C-alpha cells in the first residue's frame, strides 16, 4: 500500500496571499506543484494547531520560511520541516513576509507523505 497522497488547494486573489487551509494531521508536506499561471512570488507558510488561529512559520535562524518558485514547477521540501503540523496554508509573499496577491485563483497540489 502507498503511504503517499496528494491534495489540491486553491489560492485566491485575497490581499493576504494565503491559500485555503489544509488539515495535514498524520501527514507531512514533501512537495508543492505550482499552478501553470502562478504570479511570480516566493511561497511561505502559516500553520495552526486548531484551524482557527494561524501563525507565520520561521526557520531556525528566525527568518520567514520561504522558497523561490515560479509557474510550472514542483518545489520539494525536507518533509521533517512540516512533521507535526496540523493545519497548513501556503502564502504568496516576498522573502520579508509581505503578502503578494495572485492575479487570479491558482490551484496548488500538495504532495503528502504518511508519518507512520
N, C-alpha and C. Protein backbone atom coordinates (compact mmCIF):
# COMPACT_ATOMS: atom_id res chain seq x y z
N UNK A 1 0.82 -1.20 0.00
CA UNK A 1 0.00 0.00 0.00
C UNK A 1 0.87 1.26 0.00
N UNK A 2 0.40 2.26 -0.66
CA UNK A 2 1.12 3.52 -0.75
C UNK A 2 0.96 4.32 0.53
N UNK A 3 2.02 4.97 0.97
CA UNK A 3 1.94 5.86 2.12
C UNK A 3 2.07 7.31 1.67
N UNK A 4 1.73 7.55 0.42
CA UNK A 4 1.78 8.90 -0.15
C UNK A 4 0.40 9.29 -0.62
N UNK A 5 0.18 10.60 -0.67
CA UNK A 5 -1.08 11.12 -1.16
C UNK A 5 -0.89 12.52 -1.67
N UNK A 6 -1.96 13.10 -2.11
CA UNK A 6 -1.89 14.50 -2.53
C UNK A 6 -3.22 15.16 -2.26
N UNK A 7 -3.18 16.47 -2.24
CA UNK A 7 -4.40 17.28 -2.07
C UNK A 7 -4.23 18.53 -2.91
N UNK A 8 -5.32 19.03 -3.43
CA UNK A 8 -5.30 20.27 -4.20
C UNK A 8 -5.99 21.35 -3.40
N UNK A 9 -5.34 22.50 -3.29
CA UNK A 9 -5.91 23.65 -2.60
C UNK A 9 -5.88 24.85 -3.54
N UNK A 10 -6.79 25.78 -3.31
CA UNK A 10 -6.84 26.99 -4.12
C UNK A 10 -6.29 28.17 -3.35
N UNK A 11 -5.61 29.03 -4.08
CA UNK A 11 -5.15 30.30 -3.56
C UNK A 11 -5.91 31.36 -4.33
N UNK A 12 -6.67 32.18 -3.63
CA UNK A 12 -7.49 33.19 -4.28
C UNK A 12 -6.69 34.47 -4.48
N UNK A 13 -7.37 35.51 -4.90
CA UNK A 13 -6.73 36.81 -5.11
C UNK A 13 -6.74 37.66 -3.84
N UNK A 14 -7.03 37.05 -2.71
CA UNK A 14 -7.10 37.78 -1.44
C UNK A 14 -5.79 38.52 -1.17
N UNK A 15 -5.92 39.68 -0.56
CA UNK A 15 -4.76 40.53 -0.29
C UNK A 15 -3.75 39.88 0.65
N UNK A 16 -4.20 38.93 1.50
CA UNK A 16 -3.26 38.29 2.43
C UNK A 16 -2.39 37.24 1.74
N UNK A 17 -2.70 36.90 0.48
CA UNK A 17 -1.89 35.96 -0.28
C UNK A 17 -1.95 34.53 0.20
N UNK A 18 -2.90 34.20 1.08
CA UNK A 18 -2.94 32.86 1.68
C UNK A 18 -3.87 31.92 0.92
N UNK A 19 -3.46 30.66 0.89
CA UNK A 19 -4.29 29.62 0.28
C UNK A 19 -5.37 29.18 1.26
N UNK A 20 -6.23 28.30 0.78
CA UNK A 20 -7.15 27.61 1.67
C UNK A 20 -6.32 26.81 2.66
N UNK A 21 -6.87 26.57 3.83
CA UNK A 21 -6.19 25.75 4.82
C UNK A 21 -6.38 24.28 4.49
N UNK A 22 -5.40 23.48 4.85
CA UNK A 22 -5.49 22.04 4.66
C UNK A 22 -5.08 21.36 5.96
N UNK A 23 -5.91 20.42 6.40
CA UNK A 23 -5.59 19.63 7.58
C UNK A 23 -4.66 18.51 7.14
N UNK A 24 -3.40 18.58 7.58
CA UNK A 24 -2.43 17.56 7.19
C UNK A 24 -2.08 16.63 8.35
N UNK A 25 -2.93 16.57 9.36
CA UNK A 25 -2.68 15.72 10.51
C UNK A 25 -2.38 14.29 10.05
N UNK A 26 -1.27 13.73 10.54
CA UNK A 26 -0.86 12.39 10.16
C UNK A 26 -0.02 12.32 8.91
N UNK A 27 0.14 13.46 8.24
CA UNK A 27 0.95 13.54 7.02
C UNK A 27 1.99 14.64 7.19
N UNK A 28 2.91 14.69 6.28
CA UNK A 28 3.85 15.80 6.20
C UNK A 28 3.98 16.21 4.74
N UNK A 29 4.26 17.46 4.52
CA UNK A 29 4.37 18.01 3.16
C UNK A 29 5.76 17.73 2.60
N UNK A 30 5.82 17.16 1.39
CA UNK A 30 7.12 16.88 0.78
C UNK A 30 7.36 17.68 -0.50
N UNK A 31 6.29 18.21 -1.12
CA UNK A 31 6.45 18.99 -2.35
C UNK A 31 5.15 19.73 -2.66
N UNK A 32 5.26 20.78 -3.47
CA UNK A 32 4.09 21.50 -3.98
C UNK A 32 4.28 21.70 -5.47
N UNK A 33 3.24 21.35 -6.22
CA UNK A 33 3.22 21.62 -7.66
C UNK A 33 2.54 22.97 -7.85
N UNK A 34 3.26 23.91 -8.44
CA UNK A 34 2.75 25.26 -8.63
C UNK A 34 1.82 25.31 -9.84
N UNK A 35 0.90 26.25 -9.79
CA UNK A 35 -0.04 26.48 -10.90
C UNK A 35 0.72 26.85 -12.16
N UNK A 36 0.12 26.53 -13.30
CA UNK A 36 0.75 26.90 -14.58
C UNK A 36 0.70 28.40 -14.82
N UNK A 37 -0.12 29.12 -14.05
CA UNK A 37 -0.26 30.57 -14.23
C UNK A 37 0.16 31.34 -12.97
N UNK A 38 1.02 30.75 -12.16
CA UNK A 38 1.45 31.36 -10.90
C UNK A 38 2.01 32.76 -11.13
N UNK A 39 1.52 33.74 -10.37
CA UNK A 39 2.07 35.10 -10.38
C UNK A 39 3.35 35.05 -9.56
N UNK A 40 4.48 35.44 -10.16
CA UNK A 40 5.77 35.28 -9.50
C UNK A 40 5.79 35.84 -8.09
N UNK A 41 6.16 34.99 -7.16
CA UNK A 41 6.31 35.32 -5.75
C UNK A 41 6.94 34.12 -5.08
N UNK A 42 7.61 34.34 -3.97
CA UNK A 42 8.08 33.20 -3.18
C UNK A 42 6.88 32.62 -2.45
N UNK A 43 7.05 31.45 -1.88
CA UNK A 43 5.99 30.90 -1.04
C UNK A 43 6.51 30.78 0.39
N UNK A 44 5.62 31.07 1.30
CA UNK A 44 5.88 30.90 2.71
C UNK A 44 4.75 30.08 3.28
N UNK A 45 4.70 29.95 4.59
CA UNK A 45 3.72 29.08 5.21
C UNK A 45 3.16 29.70 6.47
N UNK A 46 1.90 29.36 6.74
CA UNK A 46 1.26 29.66 8.01
C UNK A 46 0.73 28.33 8.55
N UNK A 47 0.84 28.16 9.87
CA UNK A 47 0.40 26.91 10.48
C UNK A 47 -0.48 27.19 11.68
N UNK A 48 -1.29 26.18 12.02
CA UNK A 48 -2.22 26.30 13.13
C UNK A 48 -2.40 24.94 13.79
N UNK A 49 -2.67 24.96 15.08
CA UNK A 49 -2.98 23.70 15.78
C UNK A 49 -4.49 23.48 15.89
N UNK A 50 -5.28 24.54 15.62
CA UNK A 50 -6.73 24.41 15.79
C UNK A 50 -7.53 24.76 14.53
N UNK A 51 -6.86 25.19 13.47
CA UNK A 51 -7.56 25.56 12.24
C UNK A 51 -8.23 26.92 12.31
N UNK A 52 -7.99 27.66 13.38
CA UNK A 52 -8.61 28.97 13.56
C UNK A 52 -7.57 30.08 13.54
N UNK A 53 -6.57 29.97 14.40
CA UNK A 53 -5.53 30.98 14.50
C UNK A 53 -4.26 30.48 13.81
N UNK A 54 -3.79 31.24 12.83
CA UNK A 54 -2.62 30.85 12.04
C UNK A 54 -1.44 31.75 12.36
N UNK A 55 -0.24 31.15 12.33
CA UNK A 55 0.99 31.87 12.61
C UNK A 55 1.97 31.65 11.47
N UNK A 56 2.75 32.69 11.15
CA UNK A 56 3.80 32.55 10.15
C UNK A 56 4.81 31.52 10.63
N UNK A 57 5.37 30.77 9.70
CA UNK A 57 6.37 29.75 10.01
C UNK A 57 7.75 30.34 9.72
N UNK A 58 8.65 30.20 10.70
CA UNK A 58 10.01 30.71 10.60
C UNK A 58 10.99 29.54 10.59
N UNK A 59 12.18 29.77 10.05
CA UNK A 59 13.22 28.75 10.12
C UNK A 59 13.98 28.87 11.44
N UNK A 60 14.96 28.04 11.64
CA UNK A 60 15.68 28.02 12.91
C UNK A 60 16.57 29.25 13.11
N UNK A 61 16.78 30.05 12.05
CA UNK A 61 17.55 31.29 12.17
C UNK A 61 16.67 32.50 12.43
N UNK A 62 15.35 32.29 12.53
CA UNK A 62 14.44 33.38 12.78
C UNK A 62 13.95 34.10 11.55
N UNK A 63 14.20 33.53 10.37
CA UNK A 63 13.75 34.12 9.11
C UNK A 63 12.45 33.46 8.67
N UNK A 64 11.62 34.21 7.92
CA UNK A 64 10.43 33.60 7.33
C UNK A 64 10.88 32.39 6.51
N UNK A 65 10.18 31.27 6.66
CA UNK A 65 10.49 30.08 5.87
C UNK A 65 9.90 30.31 4.48
N UNK A 66 10.74 30.60 3.52
CA UNK A 66 10.28 30.87 2.16
C UNK A 66 11.07 30.04 1.16
N UNK A 67 10.43 29.82 0.00
CA UNK A 67 11.05 29.08 -1.08
C UNK A 67 10.77 29.82 -2.39
N UNK A 68 11.81 29.96 -3.20
CA UNK A 68 11.65 30.57 -4.53
C UNK A 68 10.88 29.62 -5.42
N UNK A 69 10.00 30.16 -6.24
CA UNK A 69 9.28 29.33 -7.19
C UNK A 69 8.75 30.18 -8.32
N UNK A 70 8.21 29.53 -9.31
CA UNK A 70 7.53 30.19 -10.42
C UNK A 70 6.54 29.19 -11.01
N UNK A 71 5.84 29.61 -12.04
CA UNK A 71 4.83 28.75 -12.66
C UNK A 71 5.47 27.46 -13.19
N UNK A 72 4.66 26.41 -13.24
CA UNK A 72 5.07 25.13 -13.83
C UNK A 72 6.25 24.48 -13.14
N UNK A 73 6.32 24.59 -11.83
CA UNK A 73 7.41 23.95 -11.08
C UNK A 73 6.85 23.09 -9.97
N UNK A 74 7.66 22.13 -9.59
CA UNK A 74 7.40 21.40 -8.37
C UNK A 74 8.52 21.76 -7.41
N UNK A 75 8.15 22.26 -6.25
CA UNK A 75 9.11 22.65 -5.23
C UNK A 75 9.14 21.53 -4.19
N UNK A 76 10.32 21.01 -3.89
CA UNK A 76 10.43 19.93 -2.92
C UNK A 76 10.96 20.45 -1.58
N UNK A 77 10.61 19.74 -0.52
CA UNK A 77 10.98 20.12 0.83
C UNK A 77 11.50 18.90 1.58
N UNK A 78 12.30 19.16 2.59
CA UNK A 78 12.63 18.12 3.54
C UNK A 78 11.36 17.88 4.34
N UNK A 79 10.74 16.72 4.27
CA UNK A 79 9.45 16.50 4.93
C UNK A 79 9.50 16.68 6.45
N UNK A 80 10.67 16.60 7.05
CA UNK A 80 10.76 16.79 8.50
C UNK A 80 10.43 18.22 8.92
N UNK A 81 10.57 19.19 7.99
CA UNK A 81 10.24 20.59 8.30
C UNK A 81 8.79 20.71 8.74
N UNK A 82 7.90 19.95 8.11
CA UNK A 82 6.46 20.10 8.34
C UNK A 82 5.87 18.99 9.20
N UNK A 83 6.68 18.08 9.69
CA UNK A 83 6.14 16.99 10.51
C UNK A 83 5.59 17.56 11.82
N UNK A 84 4.43 17.09 12.20
CA UNK A 84 3.79 17.55 13.42
C UNK A 84 2.81 18.70 13.21
N UNK A 85 2.83 19.33 12.05
CA UNK A 85 1.86 20.39 11.79
C UNK A 85 0.48 19.78 11.61
N UNK A 86 -0.55 20.52 11.99
CA UNK A 86 -1.91 20.04 11.80
C UNK A 86 -2.59 20.74 10.63
N UNK A 87 -2.65 22.06 10.67
CA UNK A 87 -3.27 22.83 9.59
C UNK A 87 -2.20 23.69 8.95
N UNK A 88 -2.25 23.78 7.62
CA UNK A 88 -1.20 24.49 6.89
C UNK A 88 -1.81 25.31 5.77
N UNK A 89 -1.28 26.52 5.60
CA UNK A 89 -1.61 27.37 4.46
C UNK A 89 -0.31 27.74 3.75
N UNK A 90 -0.37 27.83 2.43
CA UNK A 90 0.73 28.38 1.65
C UNK A 90 0.43 29.86 1.46
N UNK A 91 1.46 30.68 1.56
CA UNK A 91 1.29 32.12 1.42
C UNK A 91 2.18 32.62 0.29
N UNK A 92 1.59 33.36 -0.62
CA UNK A 92 2.32 34.01 -1.69
C UNK A 92 2.89 35.30 -1.11
N UNK A 93 4.23 35.40 -1.04
CA UNK A 93 4.82 36.54 -0.34
C UNK A 93 6.24 36.83 -0.82
N UNK A 94 6.77 37.93 -0.31
CA UNK A 94 8.17 38.24 -0.53
C UNK A 94 8.99 37.54 0.55
N UNK A 95 10.31 37.55 0.41
CA UNK A 95 11.16 36.92 1.42
C UNK A 95 11.09 37.66 2.75
N UNK A 96 10.55 38.88 2.77
CA UNK A 96 10.38 39.65 4.01
C UNK A 96 9.02 39.40 4.65
N UNK A 97 8.21 38.53 4.05
CA UNK A 97 6.91 38.19 4.63
C UNK A 97 5.79 39.12 4.22
N UNK A 98 5.99 39.92 3.18
CA UNK A 98 4.94 40.82 2.69
C UNK A 98 4.09 40.05 1.68
N UNK A 99 2.78 40.03 1.89
CA UNK A 99 1.87 39.26 1.03
C UNK A 99 1.88 39.78 -0.40
N UNK A 100 1.77 38.84 -1.34
CA UNK A 100 1.66 39.14 -2.77
C UNK A 100 0.39 38.47 -3.26
N UNK A 101 -0.61 39.26 -3.62
CA UNK A 101 -1.87 38.70 -4.12
C UNK A 101 -1.66 38.09 -5.50
N UNK A 102 -2.27 36.95 -5.75
CA UNK A 102 -2.23 36.33 -7.07
C UNK A 102 -3.21 37.07 -7.99
N UNK A 103 -2.92 37.08 -9.28
CA UNK A 103 -3.75 37.80 -10.26
C UNK A 103 -5.11 37.13 -10.46
N UNK A 104 -5.19 35.84 -10.19
CA UNK A 104 -6.43 35.06 -10.31
C UNK A 104 -6.29 33.86 -9.37
N UNK A 105 -7.38 33.12 -9.17
CA UNK A 105 -7.31 31.94 -8.32
C UNK A 105 -6.34 30.92 -8.92
N UNK A 106 -5.47 30.39 -8.08
CA UNK A 106 -4.47 29.41 -8.52
C UNK A 106 -4.66 28.12 -7.74
N UNK A 107 -4.56 27.00 -8.41
CA UNK A 107 -4.63 25.69 -7.75
C UNK A 107 -3.22 25.17 -7.53
N UNK A 108 -2.97 24.72 -6.30
CA UNK A 108 -1.68 24.14 -5.94
C UNK A 108 -1.92 22.71 -5.50
N UNK A 109 -1.00 21.84 -5.85
CA UNK A 109 -1.12 20.44 -5.44
C UNK A 109 -0.05 20.16 -4.39
N UNK A 110 -0.50 19.71 -3.21
CA UNK A 110 0.40 19.32 -2.12
C UNK A 110 0.69 17.83 -2.27
N UNK A 111 1.95 17.47 -2.18
CA UNK A 111 2.35 16.07 -2.13
C UNK A 111 2.58 15.74 -0.66
N UNK A 112 1.88 14.75 -0.16
CA UNK A 112 1.89 14.42 1.26
C UNK A 112 2.45 13.02 1.50
N UNK A 113 3.19 12.89 2.58
CA UNK A 113 3.71 11.60 2.99
C UNK A 113 3.13 11.24 4.35
N UNK A 114 2.77 9.98 4.51
CA UNK A 114 2.26 9.47 5.78
C UNK A 114 3.39 9.50 6.80
N UNK A 115 3.07 9.92 8.01
CA UNK A 115 4.10 9.99 9.07
C UNK A 115 4.42 8.65 9.70
N UNK A 116 3.62 7.63 9.41
CA UNK A 116 3.88 6.33 10.06
C UNK A 116 4.91 5.53 9.31
